[in-house]
Amino acid sequence: MSDSSPLPLILQRDNVFDPGVDLTRARDGGLLMRVPVMFSSTPKLAYVVTNHEHARTVLANSADFAVAATDYGPVSDEEAAAMRAGNLLEMNPPEHTRLRRMLVSAFTARRVAALEARITEIVDGFLDDLAAQPQPADLVTHFALPVPSLVICELLGVPYHDRDEFQQRAQAMVDSTLSAAEQLRVDREQRRYMASLVAIAQADPGDDLLGALVRSHGAEVSADELVGIGSLLLIAGHETTANMLGLGTLALLRHPDQLAALRDDPD
């Protein structure tokens, strides 16, 4: 099956809780979609795997398949290599395995538990602010988007005086309405800032995730890889969580019996 639409548009089409028509048809029919690689400055095609069986085949035989690398456009080969460093989404084993092992060791149960009280504080604060807005208020703008980026700030050790600007960049990075040139500008700004956090962590590792990686794997991981890991966590943890908060709320509103069950027994 082929599709002439750019890859981002195909993946972003949806029908409330379901994938868009093209992805649903491919998944249900066991078809592979051959589509242009996103942001590519030269014509490149890749296959999109859409159903569970095909995904298992690819993941179980990763040596036989390659991840489609993003074309970063008008940048030097050196800058493109730096932008790919640490981005697990564009890696195959054994490099993917090496970095994934480091990250898994840093995401300990103790670290996650230590964040719980602060996450609760952030959520409660934004819920209070949401209730104080003129009604009806926009859940996405006032809650779903800012909460994940502030939690990621906690995870990465972003100083409080930088957090407003950090949030603005985080939201711009997932804004599909920006041109390719604007996306590249925002990405460069974000990477420069992430590099400053990495430099601080390398000089004096703190209790945040970057500090933990430096303490445990300082000799094994480069500065560019740390920047890439931080950038990946920002994107992967921001938009996905924001979408879940919005869609999860909509699901509860459409199923009041489940909303009542949640209220009666939050555990």
Protein backbone atom coordinates (compact mmCIF):
# COMPACT_ATOMS: atom_id res chain seq x y z
CA MET A 1 0.00 0.00 0.00
CA SER A 2 1.37 3.44 -0.82
CA ASP A 3 0.45 6.95 0.26
CA SER A 4 1.73 10.22 -1.17
CA SER A 5 1.06 12.23 2.00
CA PRO A 6 3.98 13.33 4.19
CA LEU A 7 4.56 10.93 7.06
CA PRO A 8 3.71 13.39 9.88
CA LEU A 9 0.25 14.05 8.44
CA ILE A 10 -0.49 10.34 8.15
CA LEU A 11 0.50 9.68 11.73
CA GLN A 12 -1.35 12.70 13.10
CA ARG A 13 -4.70 11.93 11.51
CA ASP A 14 -7.05 10.41 14.04
CA ASN A 15 -10.70 9.84 14.83
CA VAL A 16 -10.99 10.77 18.52
CA PHE A 17 -9.69 7.56 20.15
CA ASP A 18 -8.91 5.67 16.95
CA PRO A 19 -6.17 5.99 14.31
CA GLY A 20 -7.05 7.71 11.06
CA VAL A 21 -8.69 5.90 8.17
CA ASP A 22 -5.41 5.15 6.33
CA LEU A 23 -3.67 3.66 9.36
CA THR A 24 -6.77 1.67 10.38
CA ARG A 25 -7.13 0.20 6.89
CA ALA A 26 -3.45 -0.76 6.79
CA ARG A 27 -3.54 -2.27 10.28
CA ASP A 28 -6.71 -4.30 9.71
CA GLY A 29 -5.53 -5.50 6.30
CA GLY A 30 -2.03 -6.43 7.43
CA LEU A 31 -0.58 -3.98 4.91
CA LEU A 32 2.67 -2.03 4.94
CA MET A 33 2.51 1.68 4.12
CA ARG A 34 5.31 3.10 1.98
CA VAL A 35 5.60 6.80 2.70
CA PRO A 36 8.06 9.69 2.41
CA VAL A 37 10.49 10.11 5.31
CA MET A 38 9.47 13.18 7.30
CA PHE A 39 11.47 16.40 6.96
CA SER A 40 13.57 14.88 4.19
CA SER A 41 15.17 17.43 1.87
CA THR A 42 15.63 14.70 -0.76
CA PRO A 43 13.02 12.08 -1.75
CA LYS A 44 13.27 9.07 0.57
CA LEU A 45 10.73 6.36 1.27
CA ALA A 46 10.21 4.15 4.30
CA TYR A 47 7.77 1.49 5.41
CA VAL A 48 5.34 2.18 8.25
CA VAL A 49 4.52 -0.92 10.31
CA THR A 50 0.93 -0.75 11.51
CA ASN A 51 -0.22 -4.00 13.10
CA HIS A 52 0.86 -6.05 16.11
CA GLU A 53 2.20 -9.05 14.19
CA HIS A 54 4.42 -6.94 11.95
CA ALA A 55 5.65 -4.86 14.89
CA ARG A 56 6.66 -8.00 16.79
CA THR A 57 8.50 -9.30 13.72
CA VAL A 58 10.48 -6.07 13.33
CA LEU A 59 11.30 -5.76 17.04
CA ALA A 60 12.31 -9.41 17.37
CA ASN A 61 14.62 -9.19 14.34
CA SER A 62 16.06 -5.72 14.73
CA ALA A 63 19.33 -6.70 13.04
CA ASP A 64 17.42 -7.26 9.79
CA PHE A 65 15.66 -3.88 9.81
CA ALA A 66 16.84 -0.30 9.96
CA VAL A 67 15.13 2.65 11.59
CA ALA A 68 14.40 5.41 9.06
CA ALA A 69 16.66 8.33 9.98
CA THR A 70 15.32 11.85 9.93
CA ASP A 71 16.80 14.21 7.37
CA TYR A 72 17.53 17.37 9.37
CA GLY A 73 17.58 19.58 6.31
CA PRO A 74 20.04 22.44 5.75
CA VAL A 75 22.59 21.50 8.42
CA SER A 76 26.17 20.29 8.17
CA ASP A 77 27.01 16.60 8.47
CA GLU A 78 28.65 17.39 11.81
CA GLU A 79 25.53 19.08 13.21
CA ALA A 80 23.28 16.30 11.89
CA ALA A 81 25.45 13.70 13.65
CA ALA A 82 25.25 15.68 16.89
CA MET A 83 21.45 15.93 16.54
CA ARG A 84 21.16 12.16 16.08
CA ALA A 85 23.43 11.32 19.03
CA GLY A 86 21.45 9.95 21.96
CA ASN A 87 18.17 9.78 20.00
CA LEU A 88 17.13 6.17 20.57
CA LEU A 89 14.31 6.53 18.03
CA GLU A 90 16.90 6.68 15.24
CA MET A 91 19.23 3.96 16.52
CA ASN A 92 19.64 0.26 15.92
CA PRO A 93 21.55 -2.23 18.10
CA PRO A 94 24.17 -2.31 19.43
CA GLU A 95 24.21 1.47 20.04
CA HIS A 96 20.52 1.49 20.93
CA THR A 97 21.09 -1.35 23.41
CA ARG A 98 24.02 0.45 25.05
CA LEU A 99 22.12 3.70 25.71
CA ARG A 100 18.86 1.98 26.60
CA ARG A 101 20.66 -0.02 29.29
CA MET A 102 22.03 3.20 30.80
CA LEU A 103 18.61 4.85 30.83
CA VAL A 104 16.87 1.86 32.40
CA SER A 105 19.40 1.84 35.23
CA ALA A 106 18.77 5.56 35.86
CA PHE A 107 14.96 5.22 35.98
CA THR A 108 14.88 3.50 39.36
CA ALA A 109 11.74 2.98 41.44
CA ARG A 110 13.29 5.18 44.11
CA ARG A 111 13.77 8.07 41.68
CA VAL A 112 10.20 7.83 40.41
CA ALA A 113 8.80 7.57 43.97
CA ALA A 114 10.81 10.63 45.00
CA LEU A 115 9.09 12.65 42.25
CA GLU A 116 5.56 11.65 43.28
CA ALA A 117 5.06 14.34 45.95
CA ARG A 118 6.29 17.10 43.62
CA ILE A 119 4.13 15.83 40.73
CA THR A 120 1.09 15.87 43.03
CA GLU A 121 1.92 19.45 44.01
CA ILE A 122 2.21 20.50 40.35
CA VAL A 123 -1.07 18.81 39.40
CA ASP A 124 -2.97 20.30 42.37
CA GLY A 125 -1.67 23.77 41.56
CA PHE A 126 -2.76 23.60 37.92
CA LEU A 127 -6.16 22.19 38.85
CA ASP A 128 -6.69 25.14 41.21
CA ASP A 129 -5.64 27.54 38.44
CA LEU A 130 -7.95 25.78 35.97
CA ALA A 131 -10.91 26.14 38.34
CA ALA A 132 -10.13 29.86 38.74
CA GLN A 133 -10.24 30.51 34.97
CA PRO A 134 -13.37 32.00 33.34
CA GLN A 135 -15.60 29.03 32.55
CA PRO A 136 -15.58 27.05 30.36
CA ALA A 137 -11.77 26.81 30.51
CA ASP A 138 -9.41 25.11 28.07
CA LEU A 139 -8.13 21.91 29.69
CA VAL A 140 -5.34 21.45 27.12
CA THR A 141 -3.93 24.98 27.41
CA HIS A 142 -4.25 25.34 31.18
CA PHE A 143 -3.49 21.78 32.30
CA ALA A 144 -2.63 19.05 29.79
CA LEU A 145 0.28 20.87 28.10
CA PRO A 146 2.01 22.64 31.03
CA VAL A 147 1.88 19.78 33.56
CA PRO A 148 4.07 17.30 31.62
CA SER A 149 6.69 19.91 30.75
CA LEU A 150 7.02 20.97 34.41
CA VAL A 151 7.38 17.33 35.50
CA ILE A 152 10.14 16.91 32.89
CA CYS A 153 11.77 20.05 34.32
CA GLU A 154 11.89 18.25 37.68
CA LEU A 155 13.30 15.12 36.08
CA LEU A 156 16.05 16.97 34.18
CA GLY A 157 16.87 19.48 36.92
CA VAL A 158 15.84 22.62 35.01
CA PRO A 159 16.35 25.66 37.31
CA TYR A 160 13.14 27.44 38.36
CA HIS A 161 14.12 30.73 36.70
CA ASP A 162 14.41 28.93 33.32
CA ARG A 163 11.14 27.00 33.45
CA ASP A 164 8.80 29.44 31.70
CA GLU A 165 11.14 29.66 28.70
CA PHE A 166 11.69 25.88 28.80
CA GLN A 167 7.92 25.32 28.66
CA GLN A 168 7.53 27.68 25.71
CA ARG A 169 10.21 25.82 23.74
CA ALA A 170 8.71 22.45 24.67
CA GLN A 171 5.33 23.47 23.32
CA ALA A 172 6.87 24.94 20.15
CA MET A 173 8.72 21.69 19.48
CA VAL A 174 5.42 19.78 19.14
CA ASP A 175 3.68 22.52 17.14
CA SER A 176 3.00 20.97 13.72
CA THR A 177 1.97 24.36 12.30
CA LEU A 178 5.56 25.69 12.40
CA SER A 179 7.54 25.73 9.17
CA ALA A 180 10.60 23.50 8.77
CA ALA A 181 12.85 26.55 9.25
CA GLU A 182 11.06 27.53 12.47
CA GLN A 183 11.21 23.95 13.75
CA LEU A 184 14.96 23.88 13.13
CA ARG A 185 15.43 27.21 14.93
CA VAL A 186 13.48 26.00 17.99
CA ASP A 187 15.33 22.69 17.97
CA ARG A 188 18.69 24.44 17.93
CA GLU A 189 17.64 26.72 20.80
CA GLN A 190 16.45 23.75 22.82
CA ARG A 191 19.64 21.79 22.14
CA ARG A 192 21.81 24.74 23.20
CA TYR A 193 19.89 24.96 26.45
CA MET A 194 20.06 21.19 27.01
CA ALA A 195 23.83 21.35 26.41
CA SER A 196 24.08 23.92 29.22
CA LEU A 197 22.26 21.52 31.58
CA VAL A 198 24.60 18.71 30.53
CA ALA A 199 27.67 20.89 31.19
CA ILE A 200 26.37 21.64 34.70
CA ALA A 201 25.69 17.94 35.33
CA GLN A 202 29.17 16.96 34.13
CA ALA A 203 30.82 19.58 36.34
CA ASP A 204 28.73 18.84 39.44
CA PRO A 205 26.28 15.91 39.06
CA GLY A 206 23.06 16.51 40.98
CA ASP A 207 20.17 14.22 41.91
CA ASP A 208 18.36 14.70 38.58
CA LEU A 209 18.42 12.20 35.72
CA LEU A 210 21.32 13.83 33.84
CA GLY A 211 23.37 13.88 37.04
CA ALA A 212 22.62 10.20 37.65
CA LEU A 213 23.74 9.28 34.13
CA VAL A 214 26.97 11.24 34.56
CA ARG A 215 27.73 9.65 37.93
CA SER A 216 27.06 6.10 36.74
CA HIS A 217 28.21 6.27 33.10
CA GLY A 218 30.28 9.45 32.77
CA ALA A 219 33.08 7.78 30.83
CA GLU A 220 30.70 5.84 28.56
CA VAL A 221 28.33 8.58 27.39
CA SER A 222 29.26 11.72 25.44
CA ALA A 223 27.91 15.23 25.96
CA ASP A 224 26.04 15.03 22.61
CA GLU A 225 24.44 11.75 23.69
CA LEU A 226 23.31 13.28 26.98
CA VAL A 227 21.84 16.23 25.08
CA GLY A 228 20.03 13.77 22.78
CA ILE A 229 18.70 11.72 25.69
CA GLY A 230 17.38 14.84 27.42
CA SER A 231 15.80 16.09 24.20
CA LEU A 232 14.16 12.73 23.54
CA LEU A 233 12.68 12.63 27.04
CA LEU A 234 11.32 16.13 26.53
CA ILE A 235 9.50 15.21 23.32
CA ALA A 236 8.48 11.67 24.26
CA GLY A 237 7.22 12.63 27.70
CA HIS A 238 5.52 15.89 26.78
CA GLU A 239 3.16 15.42 23.84
CA THR A 240 2.22 11.82 24.68
CA THR A 241 1.26 12.70 28.27
CA ALA A 242 -0.59 15.84 27.19
CA ASN A 243 -2.62 13.80 24.68
CA MET A 244 -3.37 11.16 27.31
CA LEU A 245 -4.64 13.78 29.78
CA GLY A 246 -6.95 15.33 27.19
CA LEU A 247 -8.25 12.08 25.72
CA GLY A 248 -8.49 10.43 29.15
CA THR A 249 -10.70 13.26 30.39
CA LEU A 250 -12.87 13.03 27.28
CA ALA A 251 -13.24 9.25 27.75
CA LEU A 252 -14.40 9.73 31.35
CA LEU A 253 -16.88 12.44 30.34
CA ARG A 254 -18.31 10.12 27.67
CA HIS A 255 -18.58 7.25 30.17
CA PRO A 256 -20.04 8.79 33.36
CA ASP A 257 -20.32 5.36 35.02
CA GLN A 258 -16.53 5.01 34.82
CA LEU A 259 -16.07 8.59 36.05
CA ALA A 260 -18.30 7.79 39.05
CA ALA A 261 -16.31 4.59 39.73
CA LEU A 262 -13.05 6.56 39.68
CA ARG A 263 -14.43 9.19 42.06
CA ASP A 264 -15.74 6.51 44.44
CA ASP A 265 -12.48 4.54 44.49
CA PRO A 266 -9.46 6.51 43.20
CA ASP A 267 -7.13 3.58 43.97
